[in-house]
C-alpha atoms as a PDB file:
ATOM      1  CA  MET A   1     -10.249 -35.322 -83.568  1.00  0.00           C
ATOM      2  CA  LYS A   2      -9.707 -35.328 -79.811  1.00  0.00           C
ATOM      3  CA  ARG A   3     -10.319 -38.623 -78.003  1.00  0.00           C
ATOM      4  CA  SER A   4     -12.215 -38.857 -74.759  1.00  0.00           C
ATOM      5  CA  ALA A   5     -10.814 -40.998 -71.970  1.00  0.00           C
ATOM      6  CA  GLU A   6     -13.651 -43.500 -72.515  1.00  0.00           C
ATOM      7  CA  ILE A   7     -12.840 -43.841 -76.226  1.00  0.00           C
ATOM      8  CA  SER A   8      -9.116 -44.288 -75.585  1.00  0.00           C
ATOM      9  CA  ALA A   9      -9.820 -46.885 -72.927  1.00  0.00           C
ATOM     10  CA  LEU A  10     -12.114 -48.838 -75.259  1.00  0.00           C
ATOM     11  CA  GLU A  11      -9.506 -48.746 -78.040  1.00  0.00           C
ATOM     12  CA  GLY A  12      -7.037 -50.210 -75.581  1.00  0.00           C
ATOM     13  CA  ARG A  13      -9.425 -52.992 -74.544  1.00  0.00           C
ATOM     14  CA  ILE A  14     -10.221 -54.065 -78.101  1.00  0.00           C
ATOM     15  CA  GLY A  15      -6.644 -53.678 -79.323  1.00  0.00           C
ATOM     16  CA  TYR A  16      -7.310 -51.298 -82.194  1.00  0.00           C
ATOM     17  CA  GLU A  17      -6.490 -47.584 -82.492  1.00  0.00           C
ATOM     18  CA  PHE A  18      -8.638 -45.713 -84.998  1.00  0.00           C
ATOM     19  CA  LYS A  19      -7.207 -43.382 -87.611  1.00  0.00           C
ATOM     20  CA  GLN A  20     -10.688 -41.848 -87.912  1.00  0.00           C
ATOM     21  CA  VAL A  21     -11.830 -41.844 -84.313  1.00  0.00           C
ATOM     22  CA  GLN A  22     -15.174 -40.339 -85.296  1.00  0.00           C
ATOM     23  CA  LEU A  23     -16.142 -43.744 -86.699  1.00  0.00           C
ATOM     24  CA  LEU A  24     -15.798 -45.344 -83.275  1.00  0.00           C
ATOM     25  CA  GLN A  25     -17.662 -42.450 -81.683  1.00  0.00           C
ATOM     26  CA  ARG A  26     -20.553 -42.909 -84.105  1.00  0.00           C
ATOM     27  CA  ALA A  27     -20.601 -46.668 -83.497  1.00  0.00           C
ATOM     28  CA  LEU A  28     -21.360 -45.997 -79.845  1.00  0.00           C
ATOM     29  CA  ILE A  29     -24.249 -43.548 -80.358  1.00  0.00           C
ATOM     30  CA  HIS A  30     -27.657 -45.138 -79.742  1.00  0.00           C
ATOM     31  CA  SER A  31     -30.686 -43.826 -81.633  1.00  0.00           C
ATOM     32  CA  SER A  32     -31.960 -42.244 -78.386  1.00  0.00           C
ATOM     33  CA  MET A  33     -29.049 -39.776 -78.686  1.00  0.00           C
ATOM     34  CA  SER A  34     -29.264 -39.102 -82.420  1.00  0.00           C
ATOM     35  CA  GLY A  35     -30.284 -35.747 -83.846  1.00  0.00           C
ATOM     36  CA  PRO A  36     -30.021 -33.505 -86.903  1.00  0.00           C
ATOM     37  CA  ASN A  37     -26.252 -33.123 -86.417  1.00  0.00           C
ATOM     38  CA  ARG A  38     -25.538 -36.438 -84.742  1.00  0.00           C
ATOM     39  CA  GLU A  39     -25.763 -39.729 -86.627  1.00  0.00           C
ATOM     40  CA  ASP A  40     -26.538 -42.890 -84.654  1.00  0.00           C
ATOM     41  CA  ASN A  41     -25.007 -46.351 -85.092  1.00  0.00           C
ATOM     42  CA  GLN A  42     -27.831 -48.089 -86.983  1.00  0.00           C
ATOM     43  CA  ARG A  43     -26.241 -47.945 -90.435  1.00  0.00           C
ATOM     44  CA  LEU A  44     -22.935 -49.174 -89.020  1.00  0.00           C
ATOM     45  CA  GLU A  45     -24.753 -51.988 -87.236  1.00  0.00           C
ATOM     46  CA  PHE A  46     -26.241 -53.102 -90.572  1.00  0.00           C
ATOM     47  CA  LEU A  47     -22.801 -53.254 -92.186  1.00  0.00           C
ATOM     48  CA  GLY A  48     -21.107 -54.816 -89.165  1.00  0.00           C
ATOM     49  CA  ASP A  49     -23.572 -57.681 -89.116  1.00  0.00           C
ATOM     50  CA  ARG A  50     -22.521 -58.603 -92.673  1.00  0.00           C
ATOM     51  CA  VAL A  51     -18.797 -58.256 -91.960  1.00  0.00           C
ATOM     52  CA  LEU A  52     -19.156 -60.444 -88.858  1.00  0.00           C
ATOM     53  CA  GLY A  53     -21.006 -63.065 -90.876  1.00  0.00           C
ATOM     54  CA  LEU A  54     -18.281 -63.276 -93.512  1.00  0.00           C
ATOM     55  CA  VAL A  55     -15.511 -63.477 -90.905  1.00  0.00           C
ATOM     56  CA  MET A  56     -17.277 -66.276 -89.043  1.00  0.00           C
ATOM     57  CA  ALA A  57     -18.126 -68.207 -92.192  1.00  0.00           C
ATOM     58  CA  GLU A  58     -14.453 -68.153 -93.223  1.00  0.00           C
ATOM     59  CA  ALA A  59     -13.266 -69.038 -89.719  1.00  0.00           C
ATOM     60  CA  LEU A  60     -15.576 -72.054 -89.450  1.00  0.00           C
ATOM     61  CA  LEU A  61     -14.609 -73.349 -92.886  1.00  0.00           C
ATOM     62  CA  ASP A  62     -10.916 -73.008 -92.028  1.00  0.00           C
ATOM     63  CA  LYS A  63     -11.412 -74.707 -88.661  1.00  0.00           C
ATOM     64  CA  ASP A  64     -13.136 -77.809 -90.026  1.00  0.00           C
ATOM     65  CA  ASN A  65     -12.664 -78.622 -93.712  1.00  0.00           C
ATOM     66  CA  LYS A  66     -14.824 -81.728 -93.468  1.00  0.00           C
ATOM     67  CA  ALA A  67     -17.919 -80.219 -91.863  1.00  0.00           C
ATOM     68  CA  THR A  68     -21.149 -80.274 -93.817  1.00  0.00           C
ATOM     69  CA  GLU A  69     -23.421 -77.277 -94.288  1.00  0.00           C
ATOM     70  CA  GLY A  70     -25.797 -78.839 -91.779  1.00  0.00           C
ATOM     71  CA  GLN A  71     -23.018 -78.943 -89.174  1.00  0.00           C
ATOM     72  CA  LEU A  72     -21.673 -75.471 -89.966  1.00  0.00           C
ATOM     73  CA  ALA A  73     -24.991 -73.600 -89.895  1.00  0.00           C
ATOM     74  CA  PRO A  74     -25.794 -74.036 -86.174  1.00  0.00           C
ATOM     75  CA  ARG A  75     -22.212 -73.196 -85.212  1.00  0.00           C
ATOM     76  CA  PHE A  76     -22.393 -70.051 -87.350  1.00  0.00           C
ATOM     77  CA  ASN A  77     -25.723 -69.014 -85.842  1.00  0.00           C
ATOM     78  CA  ALA A  78     -24.381 -69.501 -82.316  1.00  0.00           C
ATOM     79  CA  LEU A  79     -21.407 -67.224 -83.011  1.00  0.00           C
ATOM     80  CA  VAL A  80     -23.186 -64.345 -84.776  1.00  0.00           C
ATOM     81  CA  ARG A  81     -26.472 -64.114 -82.858  1.00  0.00           C
ATOM     82  CA  LYS A  82     -27.222 -60.980 -80.906  1.00  0.00           C
ATOM     83  CA  GLU A  83     -26.719 -62.662 -77.526  1.00  0.00           C
ATOM     84  CA  THR A  84     -23.156 -63.616 -78.415  1.00  0.00           C
ATOM     85  CA  CYS A  85     -22.382 -60.121 -79.718  1.00  0.00           C
ATOM     86  CA  ALA A  86     -23.716 -58.701 -76.453  1.00  0.00           C
ATOM     87  CA  ASP A  87     -21.627 -61.138 -74.399  1.00  0.00           C
ATOM     88  CA  VAL A  88     -18.488 -60.006 -76.217  1.00  0.00           C
ATOM     89  CA  ALA A  89     -19.454 -56.352 -75.717  1.00  0.00           C
ATOM     90  CA  ARG A  90     -19.917 -56.970 -71.975  1.00  0.00           C
ATOM     91  CA  GLU A  91     -16.550 -58.711 -71.739  1.00  0.00           C
ATOM     92  CA  PHE A  92     -14.833 -55.664 -73.214  1.00  0.00           C
ATOM     93  CA  GLU A  93     -16.991 -53.178 -71.267  1.00  0.00           C
ATOM     94  CA  PHE A  94     -18.683 -51.461 -74.196  1.00  0.00           C
ATOM     95  CA  GLY A  95     -21.492 -50.325 -71.914  1.00  0.00           C
ATOM     96  CA  GLU A  96     -19.246 -47.763 -70.258  1.00  0.00           C
ATOM     97  CA  ALA A  97     -18.699 -45.969 -73.571  1.00  0.00           C
ATOM     98  CA  LEU A  98     -22.243 -46.044 -75.001  1.00  0.00           C
ATOM     99  CA  LYS A  99     -23.897 -42.700 -75.675  1.00  0.00           C
ATOM    100  CA  LEU A 100     -27.539 -42.998 -74.633  1.00  0.00           C
ATOM    101  CA  GLY A 101     -30.509 -40.718 -74.239  1.00  0.00           C
ATOM    102  CA  ARG A 102     -31.764 -40.012 -70.729  1.00  0.00           C
ATOM    103  CA  SER A 103     -34.593 -42.550 -70.872  1.00  0.00           C
ATOM    104  CA  GLU A 104     -32.247 -45.347 -71.968  1.00  0.00           C
ATOM    105  CA  ARG A 105     -29.709 -44.459 -69.289  1.00  0.00           C
ATOM    106  CA  LEU A 106     -32.369 -44.548 -66.594  1.00  0.00           C
ATOM    107  CA  SER A 107     -33.771 -47.853 -67.841  1.00  0.00           C
ATOM    108  CA  GLY A 108     -30.432 -49.644 -67.641  1.00  0.00           C
ATOM    109  CA  GLY A 109     -29.536 -49.331 -71.321  1.00  0.00           C
ATOM    110  CA  ARG A 110     -25.838 -49.938 -70.718  1.00  0.00           C
ATOM    111  CA  ARG A 111     -26.692 -53.504 -69.713  1.00  0.00           C
ATOM    112  CA  LYS A 112     -29.332 -54.276 -72.346  1.00  0.00           C
ATOM    113  CA  MET A 113     -28.549 -57.161 -74.683  1.00  0.00           C
ATOM    114  CA  ALA A 114     -29.972 -55.484 -77.807  1.00  0.00           C
ATOM    115  CA  LEU A 115     -28.048 -52.226 -77.307  1.00  0.00           C
ATOM    116  CA  LEU A 116     -24.768 -53.984 -76.537  1.00  0.00           C
ATOM    117  CA  GLY A 117     -25.145 -56.392 -79.461  1.00  0.00           C
ATOM    118  CA  ASP A 118     -25.919 -53.546 -81.857  1.00  0.00           C
ATOM    119  CA  ALA A 119     -22.915 -51.566 -80.612  1.00  0.00           C
ATOM    120  CA  MET A 120     -20.632 -54.571 -81.096  1.00  0.00           C
ATOM    121  CA  GLU A 121     -21.728 -54.942 -84.725  1.00  0.00           C
ATOM    122  CA  ALA A 122     -21.364 -51.195 -85.272  1.00  0.00           C
ATOM    123  CA  VAL A 123     -17.804 -51.214 -83.915  1.00  0.00           C
ATOM    124  CA  ILE A 124     -16.906 -54.074 -86.286  1.00  0.00           C
ATOM    125  CA  ALA A 125     -18.175 -51.936 -89.169  1.00  0.00           C
ATOM    126  CA  ALA A 126     -16.249 -48.927 -87.884  1.00  0.00           C
ATOM    127  CA  VAL A 127     -13.005 -50.930 -87.895  1.00  0.00           C
ATOM    128  CA  TYR A 128     -13.827 -52.224 -91.387  1.00  0.00           C
ATOM    129  CA  MET A 129     -14.325 -48.674 -92.679  1.00  0.00           C
ATOM    130  CA  ASP A 130     -11.241 -47.387 -90.877  1.00  0.00           C
ATOM    131  CA  GLY A 131      -8.770 -50.166 -91.654  1.00  0.00           C
ATOM    132  CA  GLY A 132     -10.312 -52.553 -94.177  1.00  0.00           C
ATOM    133  CA  PHE A 133     -11.462 -56.156 -94.017  1.00  0.00           C
ATOM    134  CA  SER A 134      -8.159 -57.536 -92.742  1.00  0.00           C
ATOM    135  CA  GLU A 135      -8.279 -55.338 -89.621  1.00  0.00           C
ATOM    136  CA  ALA A 136     -11.961 -56.101 -89.052  1.00  0.00           C
ATOM    137  CA  LYS A 137     -11.272 -59.819 -89.342  1.00  0.00           C
ATOM    138  CA  SER A 138      -8.378 -59.603 -86.877  1.00  0.00           C
ATOM    139  CA  LEU A 139     -10.594 -57.705 -84.447  1.00  0.00           C
ATOM    140  CA  VAL A 140     -13.417 -60.265 -84.604  1.00  0.00           C
ATOM    141  CA  LEU A 141     -11.110 -63.265 -84.230  1.00  0.00           C
ATOM    142  CA  ARG A 142      -9.353 -61.568 -81.308  1.00  0.00           C
ATOM    143  CA  LEU A 143     -12.533 -60.558 -79.479  1.00  0.00           C
ATOM    144  CA  TRP A 144     -14.416 -63.812 -80.073  1.00  0.00           C
ATOM    145  CA  GLY A 145     -11.315 -65.785 -79.106  1.00  0.00           C
ATOM    146  CA  LYS A 146     -12.001 -69.254 -77.734  1.00  0.00           C
ATOM    147  CA  ARG A 147     -15.687 -69.003 -78.591  1.00  0.00           C
ATOM    148  CA  ILE A 148     -14.856 -70.094 -82.125  1.00  0.00           C
ATOM    149  CA  ASP A 149     -12.869 -73.140 -81.013  1.00  0.00           C
ATOM    150  CA  SER A 150     -15.357 -74.180 -78.368  1.00  0.00           C
ATOM    151  CA  VAL A 151     -18.616 -73.611 -80.245  1.00  0.00           C
ATOM    152  CA  GLU A 152     -20.665 -76.772 -79.916  1.00  0.00           C
ATOM    153  CA  GLU A 153     -21.398 -78.805 -83.011  1.00  0.00           C
ATOM    154  CA  ASP A 154     -25.056 -78.872 -82.057  1.00  0.00           C
ATOM    155  CA  ALA A 155     -25.096 -75.188 -81.045  1.00  0.00           C
ATOM    156  CA  ARG A 156     -28.741 -74.624 -81.830  1.00  0.00           C
ATOM    157  CA  ASP A 157     -31.462 -72.552 -80.298  1.00  0.00           C
ATOM    158  CA  PRO A 158     -32.760 -74.784 -77.456  1.00  0.00           C
ATOM    159  CA  LYS A 159     -36.350 -73.843 -78.325  1.00  0.00           C
ATOM    160  CA  THR A 160     -35.872 -75.157 -81.863  1.00  0.00           C
ATOM    161  CA  SER A 161     -34.297 -78.367 -80.585  1.00  0.00           C
ATOM    162  CA  LEU A 162     -37.107 -78.926 -78.091  1.00  0.00           C
ATOM    163  CA  GLN A 163     -39.735 -78.333 -80.774  1.00  0.00           C
ATOM    164  CA  GLU A 164     -38.017 -80.850 -83.056  1.00  0.00           C
ATOM    165  CA  TRP A 165     -37.916 -83.368 -80.165  1.00  0.00           C
ATOM    166  CA  ALA A 166     -41.665 -82.939 -79.689  1.00  0.00           C
ATOM    167  CA  GLN A 167     -42.463 -83.146 -83.404  1.00  0.00           C
ATOM    168  CA  ALA A 168     -40.456 -86.369 -83.742  1.00  0.00           C
ATOM    169  CA  ARG A 169     -42.798 -87.889 -81.150  1.00  0.00           C
ATOM    170  CA  ARG A 170     -45.954 -86.511 -82.790  1.00  0.00           C
ATOM    171  CA  MET A 171     -46.513 -83.947 -80.049  1.00  0.00           C
ATOM    172  CA  PRO A 172     -47.606 -80.351 -80.573  1.00  0.00           C
ATOM    173  CA  PRO A 173     -44.950 -77.646 -80.066  1.00  0.00           C
ATOM    174  CA  PRO A 174     -43.987 -76.928 -76.444  1.00  0.00           C
ATOM    175  CA  ALA A 175     -45.788 -74.147 -74.598  1.00  0.00           C
ATOM    176  CA  TYR A 176     -44.006 -71.368 -72.710  1.00  0.00           C
ATOM    177  CA  ILE A 177     -45.882 -69.956 -69.733  1.00  0.00           C
ATOM    178  CA  GLU A 178     -44.873 -66.869 -67.805  1.00  0.00           C
ATOM    179  CA  VAL A 179     -44.911 -68.037 -64.184  1.00  0.00           C
ATOM    180  CA  SER A 180     -43.840 -64.762 -62.614  1.00  0.00           C
ATOM    181  CA  ARG A 181     -42.292 -61.366 -63.212  1.00  0.00           C
ATOM    182  CA  SER A 182     -40.394 -59.422 -60.587  1.00  0.00           C
ATOM    183  CA  GLY A 183     -38.003 -56.501 -60.262  1.00  0.00           C
ATOM    184  CA  PRO A 184     -38.368 -52.873 -61.419  1.00  0.00           C
ATOM    185  CA  ASP A 185     -39.753 -52.004 -64.847  1.00  0.00           C
ATOM    186  CA  HIS A 186     -36.314 -51.050 -66.164  1.00  0.00           C
ATOM    187  CA  GLN A 187     -34.748 -54.349 -65.069  1.00  0.00           C
ATOM    188  CA  PRO A 188     -37.426 -57.071 -64.933  1.00  0.00           C
ATOM    189  CA  VAL A 189     -36.792 -60.705 -64.099  1.00  0.00           C
ATOM    190  CA  PHE A 190     -38.966 -63.381 -65.729  1.00  0.00           C
ATOM    191  CA  THR A 191     -39.632 -66.976 -64.686  1.00  0.00           C
ATOM    192  CA  ILE A 192     -40.830 -69.075 -67.608  1.00  0.00           C
ATOM    193  CA  GLU A 193     -42.042 -72.669 -67.671  1.00  0.00           C
ATOM    194  CA  ALA A 194     -41.480 -74.838 -70.752  1.00  0.00           C
ATOM    195  CA  ARG A 195     -44.241 -77.449 -70.953  1.00  0.00           C
ATOM    196  CA  LEU A 196     -44.770 -80.490 -73.193  1.00  0.00           C
ATOM    197  CA  GLU A 197     -48.035 -82.252 -73.902  1.00  0.00           C
ATOM    198  CA  ASN A 198     -46.794 -85.353 -72.025  1.00  0.00           C
ATOM    199  CA  GLY A 199     -46.623 -83.354 -68.792  1.00  0.00           C
ATOM    200  CA  GLU A 200     -42.872 -82.764 -68.718  1.00  0.00           C
ATOM    201  CA  THR A 201     -42.021 -79.238 -67.523  1.00  0.00           C
ATOM    202  CA  CYS A 202     -39.037 -77.167 -66.493  1.00  0.00           C
ATOM    203  CA  GLN A 203     -38.669 -73.583 -65.281  1.00  0.00           C
ATOM    204  CA  ALA A 204     -35.929 -70.996 -65.690  1.00  0.00           C
ATOM    205  CA  THR A 205     -35.380 -67.374 -64.720  1.00  0.00           C
ATOM    206  CA  ALA A 206     -33.644 -64.621 -66.721  1.00  0.00           C
ATOM    207  CA  GLY A 207     -33.673 -60.903 -67.432  1.00  0.00           C
ATOM    208  CA  SER A 208     -35.789 -61.251 -70.577  1.00  0.00           C
ATOM    209  CA  LYS A 209     -38.609 -63.538 -71.681  1.00  0.00           C
ATOM    210  CA  ARG A 210     -36.585 -64.808 -74.610  1.00  0.00           C
ATOM    211  CA  LEU A 211     -33.583 -65.790 -72.493  1.00  0.00           C
ATOM    212  CA  ALA A 212     -35.819 -67.393 -69.860  1.00  0.00           C
ATOM    213  CA  GLU A 213     -37.641 -69.407 -72.534  1.00  0.00           C
ATOM    214  CA  GLN A 214     -34.335 -70.588 -74.008  1.00  0.00           C
ATOM    215  CA  ALA A 215     -32.993 -71.534 -70.580  1.00  0.00           C
ATOM    216  CA  ALA A 216     -36.185 -73.437 -69.712  1.00  0.00           C
ATOM    217  CA  ALA A 217     -36.074 -75.283 -73.050  1.00  0.00           C
ATOM    218  CA  LYS A 218     -32.425 -76.182 -72.523  1.00  0.00           C
ATOM    219  CA  ALA A 219     -33.054 -77.473 -69.015  1.00  0.00           C
ATOM    220  CA  LEU A 220     -36.012 -79.549 -70.193  1.00  0.00           C
ATOM    221  CA  LEU A 221     -33.983 -81.016 -73.064  1.00  0.00           C
ATOM    222  CA  GLU A 222     -31.201 -82.009 -70.665  1.00  0.00           C
ATOM    223  CA  ARG A 223     -33.728 -83.713 -68.394  1.00  0.00           C
ATOM    224  CA  LEU A 224     -35.278 -85.580 -71.316  1.00  0.00           C
ATOM    225  CA  GLU A 225     -31.870 -86.742 -72.546  1.00  0.00           C
ATOM    226  CA  LYS A 226     -30.996 -88.109 -69.105  1.00  0.00           C
ATOM    227  CA  SER A 227     -34.279 -90.022 -68.885  1.00  0.00           C
END
């Protein structure tokens, strides 16, 4: 099957040339472009998520043979969560090769975390189906690179950590208040305030409510630790 320039360029960036290039093409088709004769990447995403999980579990066990399950779990979650997959996809410019419907293109779909993360998982599955587990593992370790070595031992969702901090002091869970929203509908910017019952607050701004909440929780935790 003939390769487009975009597909060839992406193969070069990720360091893997497909024998069945149609697998990579399918991995880059969002559901907004699917149709009776065009399969989207959702099934590949499902498989890729499981392949990624196995690769990361093995990598973390090999990296630290003394770590407990309680230490490994947050590291694992930090490496396989959708935000990390999207960060890797951005680094290797997956957005340029995504096949999106008109509405997704106009709404900035090539930059959306969910779409990029899904495409990353789908590409992992495509490599697995094309070359087997060994090739998929090599791809993941290559693309994730230093993220595996540098993942923090306490790499936990900041919102979870802040809630645990509050519970340990017999406080109710923190509240997250939307302070403002700006920007166009297709690319909004949210400012969120994390607030504790004792009056401690911190604000953060990001391109999604979830990321803004996490950033506000992280900033508040850092302030609490310093005090």
